[in-house]
Amino acid sequence: MNQGIRSAPAVRMAVSGTIVERHEFDEVLSIIASRLQSTSQGCLSVGSVNLDHLFHFRKIAASPRGRLEWLLLADGMPIAWRGKLLTGEPWPRITGADLLPSLLELAERSGQRVGFFGGSAGTHRLLAESLATRHPTLAISGMWAPTPDDIESSSEHLAAAIRNASTDILIVSLGKPRQERWVDQHGCATGARVFLPCGGAIDFLAGATNRAPGWMQKAGLEWLYRLASEPRRLARRYLLQGPIALLRAARAVDLLPPHLLRGPAIE
């Protein structure tokens, strides 16, 4: 992943090789809106850093700057807490599930075309119904529900289909780490200007899955709600991989010089 330098952020930290930036919610939307209007900058992917991210992405990339730039934000509460400890100021927790509704509102106001990549056909049917109610004038370029085999063998064709649909914003829901890898490798070929790899956020928006109550989100207990809801699928992530990633978060360091701003290697 490449994390280019838009303009030096006020605060940033390196967490296990990943550069996490501190931004307020409205600042993130402003960065996205600016990128959508720019014709001179490359495409931007807005990623969320939580313990699951740290488990999968570990090293600082040595690759040269590419056309795709990453803006990585504190998603998990341990990341936000570590940021506050290092810098002395609160770090907002900004998740893909929080960003998605506001991003769709921005797209609806500005006439940007939004595509949805990943998730099941059933979820897409529910999503289409939800969007028709919540965002009736949103321009939807398409919904793609590729199988794992499709991702493995037909990503170039999928990227071409997304490009042919004139997609401006692509919401990618393949789960970590597959969605970040796919965006990093194929994102710019889709012609989209902005990407939001957001895991199960479209399930929340579609009403297929319930999100944790607000008080659990604020207390840093959203993971516990998800674990209780889907123990068979998520036990390994939260009970085995999570503690390993927590140790990596504890070794975060503050404020790297701008010339060292690179993203985590896609392994």
Protein backbone atom coordinates (compact mmCIF):
# COMPACT_ATOMS: atom_id res chain seq x y z
CA MET A 1 0.00 0.00 0.00
CA ASN A 2 1.18 3.48 -0.80
CA GLN A 3 0.33 6.32 1.55
CA GLY A 4 1.23 9.48 -0.34
CA ILE A 5 1.49 12.89 1.19
CA ARG A 6 -1.69 14.95 0.59
CA SER A 7 -0.63 17.69 3.00
CA ALA A 8 1.08 16.78 6.23
CA PRO A 9 -1.61 15.61 8.67
CA ALA A 10 -1.62 17.20 12.11
CA VAL A 11 -0.99 13.89 13.88
CA ARG A 12 0.03 10.43 12.73
CA MET A 13 1.57 7.29 14.19
CA ALA A 14 3.16 4.11 12.91
CA VAL A 15 1.43 0.98 14.16
CA SER A 16 3.22 -2.22 13.17
CA GLY A 17 4.34 -0.62 9.90
CA THR A 18 0.98 1.01 9.14
CA ILE A 19 0.76 4.79 9.15
CA VAL A 20 -2.48 5.80 10.89
CA GLU A 21 -3.61 9.40 10.59
CA ARG A 22 -5.71 11.37 13.05
CA HIS A 23 -8.58 13.22 11.39
CA GLU A 24 -11.97 14.41 12.51
CA PHE A 25 -14.94 12.86 10.71
CA ASP A 26 -15.72 16.01 8.71
CA GLU A 27 -12.08 16.32 7.66
CA VAL A 28 -12.20 12.85 6.13
CA LEU A 29 -15.29 13.75 4.12
CA SER A 30 -13.57 16.94 2.93
CA ILE A 31 -10.52 14.95 1.79
CA ILE A 32 -12.80 12.56 -0.11
CA ALA A 33 -14.80 15.38 -1.71
CA SER A 34 -11.59 17.09 -2.81
CA ARG A 35 -10.26 13.90 -4.36
CA LEU A 36 -13.50 13.32 -6.26
CA GLN A 37 -13.19 16.77 -7.83
CA SER A 38 -9.47 16.58 -8.61
CA THR A 39 -8.20 15.69 -12.06
CA SER A 40 -4.52 15.87 -11.15
CA GLN A 41 -4.36 13.45 -8.21
CA GLY A 42 -4.51 9.67 -8.24
CA CYS A 43 -7.26 7.58 -6.71
CA LEU A 44 -7.72 7.37 -2.94
CA SER A 45 -8.67 4.43 -0.75
CA VAL A 46 -9.91 5.14 2.77
CA GLY A 47 -9.07 2.21 5.02
CA SER A 48 -9.85 1.32 8.61
CA VAL A 49 -7.14 0.14 11.00
CA ASN A 50 -8.20 -2.22 13.76
CA LEU A 51 -6.63 -5.28 15.36
CA ASP A 52 -7.71 -7.47 12.44
CA HIS A 53 -5.86 -5.11 10.08
CA LEU A 54 -2.70 -5.26 12.21
CA PHE A 55 -2.77 -9.06 12.20
CA HIS A 56 -2.74 -9.20 8.39
CA PHE A 57 -0.55 -6.22 7.45
CA ARG A 58 2.79 -6.07 9.22
CA LYS A 59 5.65 -4.51 7.30
CA ILE A 60 6.41 -1.11 5.81
CA ALA A 61 6.30 -1.33 2.04
CA ALA A 62 9.40 -0.43 0.08
CA SER A 63 7.61 -0.05 -3.25
CA PRO A 64 7.67 3.33 -5.04
CA ARG A 65 4.73 5.68 -4.92
CA GLY A 66 1.88 4.46 -7.10
CA ARG A 67 -1.30 6.00 -8.42
CA LEU A 68 -3.36 4.62 -5.55
CA GLU A 69 -3.01 6.45 -2.25
CA TRP A 70 -4.21 5.16 1.12
CA LEU A 71 -5.72 7.18 3.95
CA LEU A 72 -5.75 4.88 6.99
CA LEU A 73 -7.84 5.83 10.02
CA ALA A 74 -8.25 4.51 13.56
CA ASP A 75 -11.15 2.07 13.49
CA GLY A 76 -10.54 -0.12 16.55
CA MET A 77 -10.66 1.39 20.03
CA PRO A 78 -7.21 -0.04 20.94
CA ILE A 79 -5.78 1.97 18.03
CA ALA A 80 -7.58 5.14 19.14
CA TRP A 81 -6.50 4.63 22.75
CA ARG A 82 -2.88 4.09 21.72
CA GLY A 83 -2.99 7.23 19.61
CA LYS A 84 -4.21 9.26 22.57
CA LEU A 85 -1.51 7.82 24.81
CA LEU A 86 1.21 8.69 22.31
CA THR A 87 0.06 12.13 21.25
CA GLY A 88 -1.83 13.46 24.25
CA GLU A 89 -4.99 14.23 22.32
CA PRO A 90 -8.13 12.16 21.65
CA TRP A 91 -8.25 10.11 18.45
CA PRO A 92 -11.69 9.82 16.85
CA ARG A 93 -12.71 6.28 16.04
CA ILE A 94 -13.88 6.33 12.42
CA THR A 95 -15.20 3.06 11.00
CA GLY A 96 -16.24 2.10 7.51
CA ALA A 97 -19.76 1.58 8.85
CA ASP A 98 -19.75 5.17 10.12
CA LEU A 99 -18.35 6.61 6.89
CA LEU A 100 -20.53 4.75 4.42
CA PRO A 101 -23.86 6.57 4.99
CA SER A 102 -22.18 9.99 4.90
CA LEU A 103 -20.20 9.03 1.80
CA LEU A 104 -23.43 8.02 0.06
CA GLU A 105 -25.02 11.35 1.03
CA LEU A 106 -22.01 13.16 -0.44
CA ALA A 107 -22.29 11.14 -3.65
CA GLU A 108 -26.02 11.78 -3.89
CA ARG A 109 -25.55 15.55 -3.53
CA SER A 110 -22.68 15.76 -6.02
CA GLY A 111 -24.00 13.30 -8.61
CA GLN A 112 -21.14 10.81 -8.20
CA ARG A 113 -21.83 7.26 -9.34
CA VAL A 114 -21.39 4.57 -6.67
CA GLY A 115 -20.64 0.89 -7.21
CA PHE A 116 -20.78 -1.94 -4.69
CA PHE A 117 -18.27 -4.77 -5.00
CA GLY A 118 -18.52 -7.82 -2.77
CA GLY A 119 -21.20 -9.33 -0.59
CA SER A 120 -23.88 -11.77 -1.67
CA ALA A 121 -26.60 -11.34 -4.25
CA GLY A 122 -29.14 -11.62 -1.42
CA THR A 123 -27.50 -8.79 0.48
CA HIS A 124 -27.47 -6.71 -2.70
CA ARG A 125 -31.23 -7.15 -3.09
CA LEU A 126 -31.77 -5.89 0.46
CA LEU A 127 -29.26 -3.11 -0.12
CA ALA A 128 -31.06 -1.94 -3.26
CA GLU A 129 -34.31 -1.70 -1.29
CA SER A 130 -32.62 0.21 1.52
CA LEU A 131 -30.93 2.65 -0.87
CA ALA A 132 -34.17 3.30 -2.74
CA THR A 133 -35.65 4.50 0.55
CA ARG A 134 -32.67 6.28 2.12
CA HIS A 135 -30.99 7.67 -0.99
CA PRO A 136 -33.63 7.78 -3.73
CA THR A 137 -31.58 9.95 -6.11
CA LEU A 138 -28.26 8.15 -5.63
CA ALA A 139 -26.69 7.11 -8.94
CA ILE A 140 -25.71 3.44 -8.63
CA SER A 141 -23.29 2.24 -11.28
CA GLY A 142 -23.69 -1.42 -10.39
CA MET A 143 -23.52 -4.17 -7.79
CA TRP A 144 -21.04 -7.01 -8.25
CA ALA A 145 -21.08 -10.17 -6.13
CA PRO A 146 -17.96 -12.09 -7.22
CA THR A 147 -17.19 -15.54 -5.87
CA PRO A 148 -13.72 -16.33 -4.47
CA ASP A 149 -12.96 -18.06 -7.78
CA ASP A 150 -13.99 -14.92 -9.66
CA ILE A 151 -11.62 -12.87 -7.52
CA GLU A 152 -8.82 -15.31 -8.22
CA SER A 153 -9.28 -15.67 -11.97
CA SER A 154 -11.32 -12.76 -13.32
CA SER A 155 -10.30 -9.62 -11.44
CA GLU A 156 -9.15 -7.87 -14.62
CA HIS A 157 -12.56 -8.46 -16.23
CA LEU A 158 -14.34 -7.32 -13.09
CA ALA A 159 -12.25 -4.14 -12.97
CA ALA A 160 -13.08 -3.49 -16.63
CA ALA A 161 -16.80 -3.95 -15.96
CA ILE A 162 -16.63 -1.44 -13.11
CA ARG A 163 -14.77 1.01 -15.36
CA ASN A 164 -17.31 0.57 -18.17
CA ALA A 165 -20.08 1.41 -15.70
CA SER A 166 -18.44 4.83 -15.06
CA THR A 167 -18.01 4.24 -11.35
CA ASP A 168 -16.71 7.19 -9.31
CA ILE A 169 -16.84 5.63 -5.82
CA LEU A 170 -16.41 1.91 -5.20
CA ILE A 171 -17.55 0.32 -1.94
CA VAL A 172 -15.58 -2.91 -1.49
CA SER A 173 -16.90 -5.59 0.87
CA LEU A 174 -14.69 -8.65 0.53
CA GLY A 175 -13.47 -8.79 4.13
CA LYS A 176 -9.94 -8.26 5.40
CA PRO A 177 -7.36 -8.79 4.03
CA ARG A 178 -8.84 -9.67 0.63
CA GLN A 179 -10.56 -6.32 0.06
CA GLU A 180 -7.42 -4.27 0.74
CA ARG A 181 -5.34 -6.52 -1.49
CA TRP A 182 -7.87 -6.29 -4.29
CA VAL A 183 -8.10 -2.50 -4.12
CA ASP A 184 -4.32 -2.16 -3.98
CA GLN A 185 -3.81 -4.41 -7.01
CA HIS A 186 -6.82 -3.60 -9.17
CA GLY A 187 -8.39 -0.41 -7.82
CA CYS A 188 -6.99 2.09 -10.30
CA ALA A 189 -7.96 -0.16 -13.21
CA THR A 190 -11.63 0.34 -12.27
CA GLY A 191 -11.50 4.05 -13.06
CA ALA A 192 -13.00 4.90 -9.66
CA ARG A 193 -11.64 7.94 -7.83
CA VAL A 194 -12.38 6.84 -4.26
CA PHE A 195 -12.56 3.42 -2.60
CA LEU A 196 -14.01 2.40 0.74
CA PRO A 197 -13.02 -1.15 1.77
CA CYS A 198 -15.54 -1.60 4.57
CA GLY A 199 -16.11 -5.28 5.30
CA GLY A 200 -19.60 -5.91 6.60
CA ALA A 201 -20.76 -2.27 6.51
CA ILE A 202 -23.09 -2.97 3.59
CA ASP A 203 -24.72 -5.71 5.69
CA PHE A 204 -25.57 -3.07 8.31
CA LEU A 205 -26.84 -0.67 5.66
CA ALA A 206 -28.92 -3.39 4.00
CA GLY A 207 -30.41 -4.49 7.32
CA ALA A 208 -29.01 -8.00 6.88
CA THR A 209 -27.01 -7.71 10.13
CA ASN A 210 -27.54 -5.59 13.20
CA ARG A 211 -24.73 -3.37 14.46
CA ALA A 212 -23.83 -3.20 18.15
CA PRO A 213 -25.76 -0.68 20.26
CA GLY A 214 -24.24 2.78 20.42
CA TRP A 215 -23.11 2.42 24.03
CA MET A 216 -21.10 -0.70 23.15
CA GLN A 217 -19.47 1.11 20.22
CA LYS A 218 -18.44 4.02 22.46
CA ALA A 219 -17.13 1.67 25.15
CA GLY A 220 -14.96 -0.26 22.71
CA LEU A 221 -17.09 -3.39 23.02
CA GLU A 222 -18.41 -3.69 19.47
CA TRP A 223 -16.11 -6.68 18.97
CA LEU A 224 -17.83 -8.48 21.86
CA TYR A 225 -21.26 -7.92 20.32
CA ARG A 226 -20.06 -9.26 16.98
CA LEU A 227 -18.41 -12.26 18.64
CA ALA A 228 -21.62 -13.10 20.49
CA SER A 229 -23.60 -12.74 17.25
CA GLU A 230 -21.29 -14.91 15.10
CA PRO A 231 -19.09 -16.99 17.42
CA ARG A 232 -18.16 -19.71 14.93
CA ARG A 233 -16.99 -17.25 12.29
CA LEU A 234 -15.32 -14.68 14.53
CA ALA A 235 -13.86 -16.64 17.47
CA ARG A 236 -10.50 -17.13 15.75
CA ARG A 237 -10.26 -13.44 14.79
CA TYR A 238 -11.05 -12.03 18.22
CA LEU A 239 -9.76 -14.69 20.62
CA LEU A 240 -6.62 -15.94 18.83
CA GLN A 241 -5.51 -13.30 16.34
CA GLY A 242 -6.66 -10.31 18.38
CA PRO A 243 -4.19 -10.66 21.28
CA ILE A 244 -1.28 -10.95 18.84
CA ALA A 245 -2.36 -7.77 17.08
CA LEU A 246 -2.86 -6.02 20.43
CA LEU A 247 0.82 -6.54 21.23
CA ARG A 248 1.71 -4.93 17.89
CA ALA A 249 -0.51 -1.96 18.68
CA ALA A 250 1.30 -1.51 21.98
CA ARG A 251 4.54 -0.94 20.05
CA ALA A 252 3.13 1.97 18.03
CA VAL A 253 5.41 4.97 17.63
CA ASP A 254 4.50 8.61 17.17
CA LEU A 255 5.02 10.93 14.20
CA LEU A 256 7.22 9.56 11.45
CA PRO A 257 8.90 12.11 9.16
CA PRO A 258 6.90 12.72 5.93
CA HIS A 259 9.49 11.03 3.69
CA LEU A 260 8.87 7.75 5.54
CA LEU A 261 5.12 7.77 4.95
CA ARG A 262 4.51 4.43 3.29
CA GLY A 263 1.79 1.90 3.79
CA PRO A 264 1.78 -1.66 5.07
CA ALA A 265 2.97 -4.36 2.71
CA ILE A 266 0.27 -6.55 1.21
CA GLU A 267 1.35 -10.03 2.26
